All heavy atoms as atom14 arrays in JSON, in Angstrom:
{
  "sequence": "DEVARDYTYAEAAAKLRIAETTLRRWVSKGRIPCHRLGRKVRFT",
  "atom14_mask": [
    [1, 1, 1, 1, 1, 1, 1, 1, 0, 0, 0, 0, 0, 0],
    [1, 1, 1, 1, 1, 1, 1, 1, 1, 0, 0, 0, 0, 0],
    [1, 1, 1, 1, 1, 1, 1, 0, 0, 0, 0, 0, 0, 0],
    [1, 1, 1, 1, 1, 0, 0, 0, 0, 0, 0, 0, 0, 0],
    [1, 1, 1, 1, 1, 1, 1, 1, 1, 1, 1, 0, 0, 0],
    [1, 1, 1, 1, 1, 1, 1, 1, 0, 0, 0, 0, 0, 0],
    [1, 1, 1, 1, 1, 1, 1, 1, 1, 1, 1, 1, 0, 0],
    [1, 1, 1, 1, 1, 1, 1, 0, 0, 0, 0, 0, 0, 0],
    [1, 1, 1, 1, 1, 1, 1, 1, 1, 1, 1, 1, 0, 0],
    [1, 1, 1, 1, 1, 0, 0, 0, 0, 0, 0, 0, 0, 0],
    [1, 1, 1, 1, 1, 1, 1, 1, 1, 0, 0, 0, 0, 0],
    [1, 1, 1, 1, 1, 0, 0, 0, 0, 0, 0, 0, 0, 0],
    [1, 1, 1, 1, 1, 0, 0, 0, 0, 0, 0, 0, 0, 0],
    [1, 1, 1, 1, 1, 0, 0, 0, 0, 0, 0, 0, 0, 0],
    [1, 1, 1, 1, 1, 1, 1, 1, 1, 0, 0, 0, 0, 0],
    [1, 1, 1, 1, 1, 1, 1, 1, 0, 0, 0, 0, 0, 0],
    [1, 1, 1, 1, 1, 1, 1, 1, 1, 1, 1, 0, 0, 0],
    [1, 1, 1, 1, 1, 1, 1, 1, 0, 0, 0, 0, 0, 0],
    [1, 1, 1, 1, 1, 0, 0, 0, 0, 0, 0, 0, 0, 0],
    [1, 1, 1, 1, 1, 1, 1, 1, 1, 0, 0, 0, 0, 0],
    [1, 1, 1, 1, 1, 1, 1, 0, 0, 0, 0, 0, 0, 0],
    [1, 1, 1, 1, 1, 1, 1, 0, 0, 0, 0, 0, 0, 0],
    [1, 1, 1, 1, 1, 1, 1, 1, 0, 0, 0, 0, 0, 0],
    [1, 1, 1, 1, 1, 1, 1, 1, 1, 1, 1, 0, 0, 0],
    [1, 1, 1, 1, 1, 1, 1, 1, 1, 1, 1, 0, 0, 0],
    [1, 1, 1, 1, 1, 1, 1, 1, 1, 1, 1, 1, 1, 1],
    [1, 1, 1, 1, 1, 1, 1, 0, 0, 0, 0, 0, 0, 0],
    [1, 1, 1, 1, 1, 1, 0, 0, 0, 0, 0, 0, 0, 0],
    [1, 1, 1, 1, 1, 1, 1, 1, 1, 0, 0, 0, 0, 0],
    [1, 1, 1, 1, 0, 0, 0, 0, 0, 0, 0, 0, 0, 0],
    [1, 1, 1, 1, 1, 1, 1, 1, 1, 1, 1, 0, 0, 0],
    [1, 1, 1, 1, 1, 1, 1, 1, 0, 0, 0, 0, 0, 0],
    [1, 1, 1, 1, 1, 1, 1, 0, 0, 0, 0, 0, 0, 0],
    [1, 1, 1, 1, 1, 1, 0, 0, 0, 0, 0, 0, 0, 0],
    [1, 1, 1, 1, 1, 1, 1, 1, 1, 1, 0, 0, 0, 0],
    [1, 1, 1, 1, 1, 1, 1, 1, 1, 1, 1, 0, 0, 0],
    [1, 1, 1, 1, 1, 1, 1, 1, 0, 0, 0, 0, 0, 0],
    [1, 1, 1, 1, 0, 0, 0, 0, 0, 0, 0, 0, 0, 0],
    [1, 1, 1, 1, 1, 1, 1, 1, 1, 1, 1, 0, 0, 0],
    [1, 1, 1, 1, 1, 1, 1, 1, 1, 0, 0, 0, 0, 0],
    [1, 1, 1, 1, 1, 1, 1, 0, 0, 0, 0, 0, 0, 0],
    [1, 1, 1, 1, 1, 1, 1, 1, 1, 1, 1, 0, 0, 0],
    [1, 1, 1, 1, 1, 1, 1, 1, 1, 1, 1, 0, 0, 0],
    [1, 1, 1, 1, 1, 1, 1, 0, 0, 0, 0, 0, 0, 0]
  ],
  "atom14_positions": [
    [[21.06, -33.34, -105.76], [20.65, -34.63, -105.23], [21.62, -35.17, -104.19], [21.27, -36.07, -103.44], [20.53, -35.66, -106.37], [19.42, -35.29, -107.34], [18.52, -34.54, -106.92], [19.46, -35.74, -108.48], [0.0, 0.0, 0.0], [0.0, 0.0, 0.0], [0.0, 0.0, 0.0], [0.0, 0.0, 0.0], [0.0, 0.0, 0.0], [0.0, 0.0, 0.0]],
    [[22.83, -34.64, -104.14], [23.85, -35.16, -103.25], [23.99, -34.34, -101.97], [25.04, -34.35, -101.35], [25.19, -35.21, -103.98], [25.2, -36.16, -105.16], [26.54, -36.17, -105.87], [27.51, -35.64, -105.3], [26.61, -36.7, -106.97], [0.0, 0.0, 0.0], [0.0, 0.0, 0.0], [0.0, 0.0, 0.0], [0.0, 0.0, 0.0], [0.0, 0.0, 0.0]],
    [[22.97, -33.65, -101.57], [23.02, -32.84, -100.37], [23.05, -33.76, -99.15], [22.28, -34.72, -99.06], [21.8, -31.89, -100.3], [21.79, -31.13, -98.99], [21.81, -30.95, -101.47], [0.0, 0.0, 0.0], [0.0, 0.0, 0.0], [0.0, 0.0, 0.0], [0.0, 0.0, 0.0], [0.0, 0.0, 0.0], [0.0, 0.0, 0.0], [0.0, 0.0, 0.0]],
    [[23.95, -33.48, -98.23], [24.06, -34.3, -97.02], [22.78, -34.18, -96.21], [22.2, -33.1, -96.09], [25.26, -33.86, -96.2], [0.0, 0.0, 0.0], [0.0, 0.0, 0.0], [0.0, 0.0, 0.0], [0.0, 0.0, 0.0], [0.0, 0.0, 0.0], [0.0, 0.0, 0.0], [0.0, 0.0, 0.0], [0.0, 0.0, 0.0], [0.0, 0.0, 0.0]],
    [[22.34, -35.27, -95.64], [21.1, -35.3, -94.87], [21.4, -35.72, -93.46], [22.22, -36.61, -93.23], [20.12, -36.29, -95.53], [18.89, -36.53, -94.7], [17.64, -36.23, -95.5], [16.5, -36.06, -94.61], [15.76, -37.05, -94.14], [16.01, -38.28, -94.48], [14.74, -36.82, -93.35], [0.0, 0.0, 0.0], [0.0, 0.0, 0.0], [0.0, 0.0, 0.0]],
    [[20.77, -35.1, -92.52], [20.89, -35.48, -91.12], [19.62, -36.2, -90.7], [18.52, -35.82, -91.1], [21.07, -34.25, -90.23], [22.43, -33.6, -90.42], [23.34, -34.29, -90.9], [22.56, -32.42, -90.1], [0.0, 0.0, 0.0], [0.0, 0.0, 0.0], [0.0, 0.0, 0.0], [0.0, 0.0, 0.0], [0.0, 0.0, 0.0], [0.0, 0.0, 0.0]],
    [[19.77, -37.26, -89.91], [18.64, -38.07, -89.46], [18.49, -37.96, -87.95], [19.47, -37.92, -87.22], [18.86, -39.54, -89.83], [19.0, -39.78, -91.31], [20.25, -39.87, -91.9], [17.88, -39.93, -92.12], [20.38, -40.1, -93.27], [18.0, -40.17, -93.48], [19.26, -40.24, -94.05], [19.39, -40.47, -95.39], [0.0, 0.0, 0.0], [0.0, 0.0, 0.0]],
    [[17.26, -37.97, -87.47], [16.98, -38.02, -86.04], [17.08, -39.48, -85.6], [17.28, -40.38, -86.41], [15.56, -37.5, -85.75], [14.63, -38.37, -86.4], [15.38, -36.07, -86.21], [0.0, 0.0, 0.0], [0.0, 0.0, 0.0], [0.0, 0.0, 0.0], [0.0, 0.0, 0.0], [0.0, 0.0, 0.0], [0.0, 0.0, 0.0], [0.0, 0.0, 0.0]],
    [[16.93, -39.7, -84.27], [16.94, -41.08, -83.78], [15.88, -41.93, -84.49], [16.17, -43.03, -84.94], [16.66, -41.11, -82.27], [17.89, -41.02, -81.41], [18.1, -39.93, -80.57], [18.85, -42.04, -81.39], [19.21, -39.86, -79.76], [19.96, -41.97, -80.58], [20.15, -40.88, -79.76], [21.25, -40.8, -78.96], [0.0, 0.0, 0.0], [0.0, 0.0, 0.0]],
    [[14.67, -41.42, -84.58], [13.58, -42.2, -85.18], [13.84, -42.49, -86.66], [13.64, -43.61, -87.12], [12.26, -41.45, -85.0], [0.0, 0.0, 0.0], [0.0, 0.0, 0.0], [0.0, 0.0, 0.0], [0.0, 0.0, 0.0], [0.0, 0.0, 0.0], [0.0, 0.0, 0.0], [0.0, 0.0, 0.0], [0.0, 0.0, 0.0], [0.0, 0.0, 0.0]],
    [[14.31, -41.48, -87.39], [14.58, -41.67, -88.82], [15.74, -42.64, -89.05], [15.68, -43.5, -89.92], [14.9, -40.33, -89.48], [13.74, -39.37, -89.51], [14.14, -37.96, -89.9], [15.31, -37.58, -89.72], [13.25, -37.24, -90.39], [0.0, 0.0, 0.0], [0.0, 0.0, 0.0], [0.0, 0.0, 0.0], [0.0, 0.0, 0.0], [0.0, 0.0, 0.0]],
    [[16.8, -42.49, -88.24], [17.97, -43.37, -88.39], [17.62, -44.8, -88.03], [18.03, -45.75, -88.71], [19.11, -42.86, -87.52], [0.0, 0.0, 0.0], [0.0, 0.0, 0.0], [0.0, 0.0, 0.0], [0.0, 0.0, 0.0], [0.0, 0.0, 0.0], [0.0, 0.0, 0.0], [0.0, 0.0, 0.0], [0.0, 0.0, 0.0], [0.0, 0.0, 0.0]],
    [[16.83, -45.0, -86.97], [16.43, -46.34, -86.56], [15.59, -47.0, -87.65], [15.76, -48.18, -87.97], [15.67, -46.3, -85.24], [0.0, 0.0, 0.0], [0.0, 0.0, 0.0], [0.0, 0.0, 0.0], [0.0, 0.0, 0.0], [0.0, 0.0, 0.0], [0.0, 0.0, 0.0], [0.0, 0.0, 0.0], [0.0, 0.0, 0.0], [0.0, 0.0, 0.0]],
    [[14.7, -46.24, -88.26], [13.88, -46.78, -89.34], [14.74, -47.14, -90.54], [14.53, -48.18, -91.18], [12.81, -45.76, -89.74], [0.0, 0.0, 0.0], [0.0, 0.0, 0.0], [0.0, 0.0, 0.0], [0.0, 0.0, 0.0], [0.0, 0.0, 0.0], [0.0, 0.0, 0.0], [0.0, 0.0, 0.0], [0.0, 0.0, 0.0], [0.0, 0.0, 0.0]],
    [[15.71, -46.31, -90.86], [16.59, -46.59, -91.99], [17.45, -47.83, -91.74], [17.7, -48.61, -92.65], [17.48, -45.38, -92.27], [18.28, -45.49, -93.53], [18.89, -44.16, -93.91], [19.81, -44.32, -95.09], [19.28, -43.79, -96.3], [0.0, 0.0, 0.0], [0.0, 0.0, 0.0], [0.0, 0.0, 0.0], [0.0, 0.0, 0.0], [0.0, 0.0, 0.0]],
    [[17.89, -48.02, -90.49], [18.69, -49.19, -90.13], [17.83, -50.43, -89.86], [18.36, -51.52, -89.67], [19.55, -48.89, -88.9], [20.66, -47.86, -89.1], [21.3, -47.53, -87.75], [21.7, -48.37, -90.07], [0.0, 0.0, 0.0], [0.0, 0.0, 0.0], [0.0, 0.0, 0.0], [0.0, 0.0, 0.0], [0.0, 0.0, 0.0], [0.0, 0.0, 0.0]],
    [[16.51, -50.22, -89.76], [15.56, -51.29, -89.45], [15.85, -51.92, -88.08], [15.89, -53.15, -87.93], [15.56, -52.35, -90.53], [15.09, -51.84, -91.86], [15.06, -52.93, -92.87], [14.64, -52.39, -94.16], [14.72, -53.05, -95.27], [15.21, -54.26, -95.3], [14.33, -52.49, -96.38], [0.0, 0.0, 0.0], [0.0, 0.0, 0.0], [0.0, 0.0, 0.0]],
    [[16.06, -51.05, -87.09], [16.26, -51.49, -85.72], [15.36, -50.63, -84.82], [14.83, -49.61, -85.25], [17.73, -51.35, -85.26], [18.2, -49.9, -85.36], [18.64, -52.28, -86.07], [19.57, -49.65, -84.78], [0.0, 0.0, 0.0], [0.0, 0.0, 0.0], [0.0, 0.0, 0.0], [0.0, 0.0, 0.0], [0.0, 0.0, 0.0], [0.0, 0.0, 0.0]],
    [[15.22, -51.04, -83.58], [14.42, -50.27, -82.63], [15.18, -49.01, -82.23], [16.42, -48.99, -82.18], [14.11, -51.1, -81.39], [0.0, 0.0, 0.0], [0.0, 0.0, 0.0], [0.0, 0.0, 0.0], [0.0, 0.0, 0.0], [0.0, 0.0, 0.0], [0.0, 0.0, 0.0], [0.0, 0.0, 0.0], [0.0, 0.0, 0.0], [0.0, 0.0, 0.0]],
    [[14.45, -47.97, -81.94], [15.07, -46.71, -81.52], [15.87, -46.9, -80.23], [16.94, -46.3, -80.06], [14.0, -45.64, -81.34], [14.57, -44.26, -81.14], [13.49, -43.19, -81.09], [12.41, -43.39, -81.68], [13.74, -42.16, -80.45], [0.0, 0.0, 0.0], [0.0, 0.0, 0.0], [0.0, 0.0, 0.0], [0.0, 0.0, 0.0], [0.0, 0.0, 0.0]],
    [[15.37, -47.73, -79.32], [16.11, -47.98, -78.08], [17.44, -48.67, -78.34], [18.43, -48.4, -77.66], [15.27, -48.82, -77.1], [14.84, -50.0, -77.75], [14.06, -48.03, -76.61], [0.0, 0.0, 0.0], [0.0, 0.0, 0.0], [0.0, 0.0, 0.0], [0.0, 0.0, 0.0], [0.0, 0.0, 0.0], [0.0, 0.0, 0.0], [0.0, 0.0, 0.0]],
    [[17.48, -49.54, -79.34], [18.73, -50.19, -79.71], [19.73, -49.16, -80.23], [20.91, -49.17, -79.85], [18.49, -51.27, -80.79], [17.58, -52.23, -80.28], [19.78, -51.94, -81.21], [0.0, 0.0, 0.0], [0.0, 0.0, 0.0], [0.0, 0.0, 0.0], [0.0, 0.0, 0.0], [0.0, 0.0, 0.0], [0.0, 0.0, 0.0], [0.0, 0.0, 0.0]],
    [[19.27, -48.24, -81.07], [20.13, -47.2, -81.59], [20.66, -46.32, -80.46], [21.85, -45.98, -80.44], [19.38, -46.36, -82.62], [20.18, -45.25, -83.29], [21.4, -45.8, -84.01], [19.3, -44.46, -84.25], [0.0, 0.0, 0.0], [0.0, 0.0, 0.0], [0.0, 0.0, 0.0], [0.0, 0.0, 0.0], [0.0, 0.0, 0.0], [0.0, 0.0, 0.0]],
    [[19.81, -45.97, -79.51], [20.26, -45.17, -78.37], [21.32, -45.91, -77.55], [22.29, -45.31, -77.09], [19.07, -44.8, -77.48], [18.15, -43.78, -78.12], [16.98, -43.44, -77.21], [16.05, -42.56, -77.87], [16.16, -41.23, -77.9], [17.16, -40.65, -77.3], [15.26, -40.5, -78.53], [0.0, 0.0, 0.0], [0.0, 0.0, 0.0], [0.0, 0.0, 0.0]],
    [[21.15, -47.21, -77.4], [22.13, -48.02, -76.67], [23.46, -48.06, -77.43], [24.53, -47.92, -76.84], [21.59, -49.43, -76.43], [22.47, -50.27, -75.53], [21.83, -51.59, -75.13], [21.36, -52.37, -76.28], [20.08, -52.61, -76.57], [19.12, -52.13, -75.79], [19.75, -53.33, -77.62], [0.0, 0.0, 0.0], [0.0, 0.0, 0.0], [0.0, 0.0, 0.0]],
    [[23.4, -48.22, -78.76], [24.61, -48.24, -79.57], [25.37, -46.92, -79.46], [26.59, -46.91, -79.39], [24.27, -48.52, -81.03], [23.87, -49.93, -81.34], [23.75, -50.96, -80.45], [23.53, -50.46, -82.61], [23.35, -52.09, -81.11], [23.21, -51.83, -82.43], [23.45, -49.91, -83.88], [22.83, -52.65, -83.48], [23.07, -50.74, -84.94], [22.77, -52.09, -84.74]],
    [[24.64, -45.8, -79.43], [25.28, -44.49, -79.3], [25.95, -44.37, -77.94], [27.11, -43.93, -77.83], [24.26, -43.35, -79.51], [24.84, -42.01, -79.08], [23.82, -43.29, -80.97], [0.0, 0.0, 0.0], [0.0, 0.0, 0.0], [0.0, 0.0, 0.0], [0.0, 0.0, 0.0], [0.0, 0.0, 0.0], [0.0, 0.0, 0.0], [0.0, 0.0, 0.0]],
    [[25.28, -44.79, -76.89], [25.85, -44.67, -75.55], [27.09, -45.55, -75.37], [27.99, -45.21, -74.62], [24.81, -45.01, -74.48], [24.49, -46.39, -74.51], [0.0, 0.0, 0.0], [0.0, 0.0, 0.0], [0.0, 0.0, 0.0], [0.0, 0.0, 0.0], [0.0, 0.0, 0.0], [0.0, 0.0, 0.0], [0.0, 0.0, 0.0], [0.0, 0.0, 0.0]],
    [[27.14, -46.67, -76.1], [28.3, -47.56, -76.01], [29.38, -47.22, -77.04], [30.43, -47.84, -77.06], [27.86, -49.02, -76.2], [26.99, -49.51, -75.06], [26.81, -51.01, -75.12], [25.94, -51.49, -73.98], [26.66, -51.64, -72.75], [0.0, 0.0, 0.0], [0.0, 0.0, 0.0], [0.0, 0.0, 0.0], [0.0, 0.0, 0.0], [0.0, 0.0, 0.0]],
    [[29.12, -46.24, -77.89], [30.09, -45.81, -78.88], [30.18, -46.71, -80.1], [31.15, -46.64, -80.85], [0.0, 0.0, 0.0], [0.0, 0.0, 0.0], [0.0, 0.0, 0.0], [0.0, 0.0, 0.0], [0.0, 0.0, 0.0], [0.0, 0.0, 0.0], [0.0, 0.0, 0.0], [0.0, 0.0, 0.0], [0.0, 0.0, 0.0], [0.0, 0.0, 0.0]],
    [[29.19, -47.53, -80.32], [29.21, -48.45, -81.47], [28.94, -47.74, -82.79], [29.39, -48.18, -83.83], [28.19, -49.56, -81.25], [28.15, -50.54, -82.38], [27.25, -51.69, -82.12], [27.13, -52.49, -83.34], [26.31, -53.51, -83.47], [25.57, -53.88, -82.46], [26.25, -54.16, -84.6], [0.0, 0.0, 0.0], [0.0, 0.0, 0.0], [0.0, 0.0, 0.0]],
    [[28.21, -46.64, -82.73], [27.88, -45.89, -83.94], [28.18, -44.41, -83.69], [27.84, -43.89, -82.63], [26.39, -46.11, -84.33], [26.05, -45.42, -85.64], [25.45, -45.67, -83.24], [24.69, -45.8, -86.19], [0.0, 0.0, 0.0], [0.0, 0.0, 0.0], [0.0, 0.0, 0.0], [0.0, 0.0, 0.0], [0.0, 0.0, 0.0], [0.0, 0.0, 0.0]],
    [[28.84, -43.74, -84.63], [29.13, -42.31, -84.43], [27.87, -41.46, -84.61], [26.92, -41.88, -85.26], [30.15, -42.01, -85.52], [29.95, -43.05, -86.56], [29.41, -44.27, -85.85], [0.0, 0.0, 0.0], [0.0, 0.0, 0.0], [0.0, 0.0, 0.0], [0.0, 0.0, 0.0], [0.0, 0.0, 0.0], [0.0, 0.0, 0.0], [0.0, 0.0, 0.0]],
    [[27.9, -40.29, -84.03], [26.78, -39.36, -84.15], [27.31, -37.94, -83.99], [28.47, -37.74, -83.64], [25.7, -39.66, -83.13], [26.23, -39.4, -81.43], [0.0, 0.0, 0.0], [0.0, 0.0, 0.0], [0.0, 0.0, 0.0], [0.0, 0.0, 0.0], [0.0, 0.0, 0.0], [0.0, 0.0, 0.0], [0.0, 0.0, 0.0], [0.0, 0.0, 0.0]],
    [[26.46, -36.99, -84.23], [26.8, -35.57, -84.08], [25.83, -34.98, -83.08], [24.62, -35.08, -83.24], [26.69, -34.85, -85.43], [27.59, -35.42, -86.46], [28.92, -35.12, -86.55], [27.36, -36.35, -87.43], [29.47, -35.8, -87.54], [28.53, -36.56, -88.08], [0.0, 0.0, 0.0], [0.0, 0.0, 0.0], [0.0, 0.0, 0.0], [0.0, 0.0, 0.0]],
    [[26.38, -34.37, -82.05], [25.55, -33.77, -81.0], [25.49, -32.26, -81.2], [26.52, -31.61, -81.35], [26.12, -34.11, -79.63], [26.1, -35.59, -79.34], [26.64, -35.9, -77.96], [26.82, -37.33, -77.79], [25.9, -38.16, -77.37], [24.7, -37.71, -77.08], [26.15, -39.45, -77.24], [0.0, 0.0, 0.0], [0.0, 0.0, 0.0], [0.0, 0.0, 0.0]],
    [[24.28, -31.76, -81.2], [24.02, -30.33, -81.32], [23.25, -29.89, -80.09], [22.03, -29.91, -80.08], [23.19, -30.04, -82.58], [23.77, -30.57, -83.91], [22.74, -30.5, -85.0], [25.0, -29.8, -84.26], [0.0, 0.0, 0.0], [0.0, 0.0, 0.0], [0.0, 0.0, 0.0], [0.0, 0.0, 0.0], [0.0, 0.0, 0.0], [0.0, 0.0, 0.0]],
    [[23.98, -29.58, -79.03], [23.33, -29.31, -77.75], [22.76, -30.61, -77.23], [23.48, -31.59, -77.06], [0.0, 0.0, 0.0], [0.0, 0.0, 0.0], [0.0, 0.0, 0.0], [0.0, 0.0, 0.0], [0.0, 0.0, 0.0], [0.0, 0.0, 0.0], [0.0, 0.0, 0.0], [0.0, 0.0, 0.0], [0.0, 0.0, 0.0], [0.0, 0.0, 0.0]],
    [[21.46, -30.65, -77.01], [20.8, -31.88, -76.56], [20.35, -32.77, -77.71], [19.94, -33.9, -77.51], [19.59, -31.53, -75.68], [19.99, -30.87, -74.38], [18.79, -30.58, -73.53], [18.14, -31.84, -73.17], [16.96, -31.93, -72.58], [16.29, -30.83, -72.31], [16.46, -33.09, -72.28], [0.0, 0.0, 0.0], [0.0, 0.0, 0.0], [0.0, 0.0, 0.0]],
    [[20.42, -32.22, -78.91], [19.96, -32.97, -80.09], [21.08, -33.88, -80.6], [22.26, -33.54, -80.54], [19.56, -32.01, -81.21], [18.39, -31.15, -80.84], [18.05, -30.21, -81.97], [16.91, -29.3, -81.57], [16.58, -28.34, -82.62], [0.0, 0.0, 0.0], [0.0, 0.0, 0.0], [0.0, 0.0, 0.0], [0.0, 0.0, 0.0], [0.0, 0.0, 0.0]],
    [[20.7, -35.02, -81.11], [21.64, -35.97, -81.71], [21.2, -36.21, -83.14], [20.02, -36.46, -83.4], [21.67, -37.3, -80.92], [22.59, -38.3, -81.59], [22.11, -37.06, -79.49], [0.0, 0.0, 0.0], [0.0, 0.0, 0.0], [0.0, 0.0, 0.0], [0.0, 0.0, 0.0], [0.0, 0.0, 0.0], [0.0, 0.0, 0.0], [0.0, 0.0, 0.0]],
    [[22.15, -36.11, -84.07], [21.84, -36.31, -85.48], [22.84, -37.3, -86.07], [23.97, -37.43, -85.61], [21.91, -35.0, -86.25], [20.88, -33.98, -85.81], [19.48, -34.43, -86.18], [18.48, -33.46, -85.83], [17.72, -33.54, -84.76], [17.86, -34.53, -83.91], [16.8, -32.63, -84.52], [0.0, 0.0, 0.0], [0.0, 0.0, 0.0], [0.0, 0.0, 0.0]],
    [[22.41, -37.98, -87.12], [23.22, -38.97, -87.8], [23.31, -38.62, -89.28], [22.33, -38.18, -89.87], [22.59, -40.37, -87.67], [22.38, -40.81, -86.26], [21.2, -40.52, -85.6], [23.37, -41.5, -85.59], [21.01, -40.92, -84.29], [23.19, -41.9, -84.28], [22.01, -41.61, -83.62], [0.0, 0.0, 0.0], [0.0, 0.0, 0.0], [0.0, 0.0, 0.0]],
    [[24.47, -38.83, -89.88], [24.64, -38.64, -91.32], [24.62, -40.02, -91.98], [24.64, -41.05, -91.3], [25.97, -37.94, -91.64], [27.04, -38.78, -91.18], [26.06, -36.57, -90.99], [0.0, 0.0, 0.0], [0.0, 0.0, 0.0], [0.0, 0.0, 0.0], [0.0, 0.0, 0.0], [0.0, 0.0, 0.0], [0.0, 0.0, 0.0], [0.0, 0.0, 0.0]]
  ]
}
């Protein structure tokens, strides 16, 4: 049950209850950490 999960932009935005564009802005400004896998961005 404790397996780490990675979230996409859409999943992370839904979990945070914010708009996906807001999450993308936060990532670009460095407000929230993320993990980049090539062009993909994932959140733990």
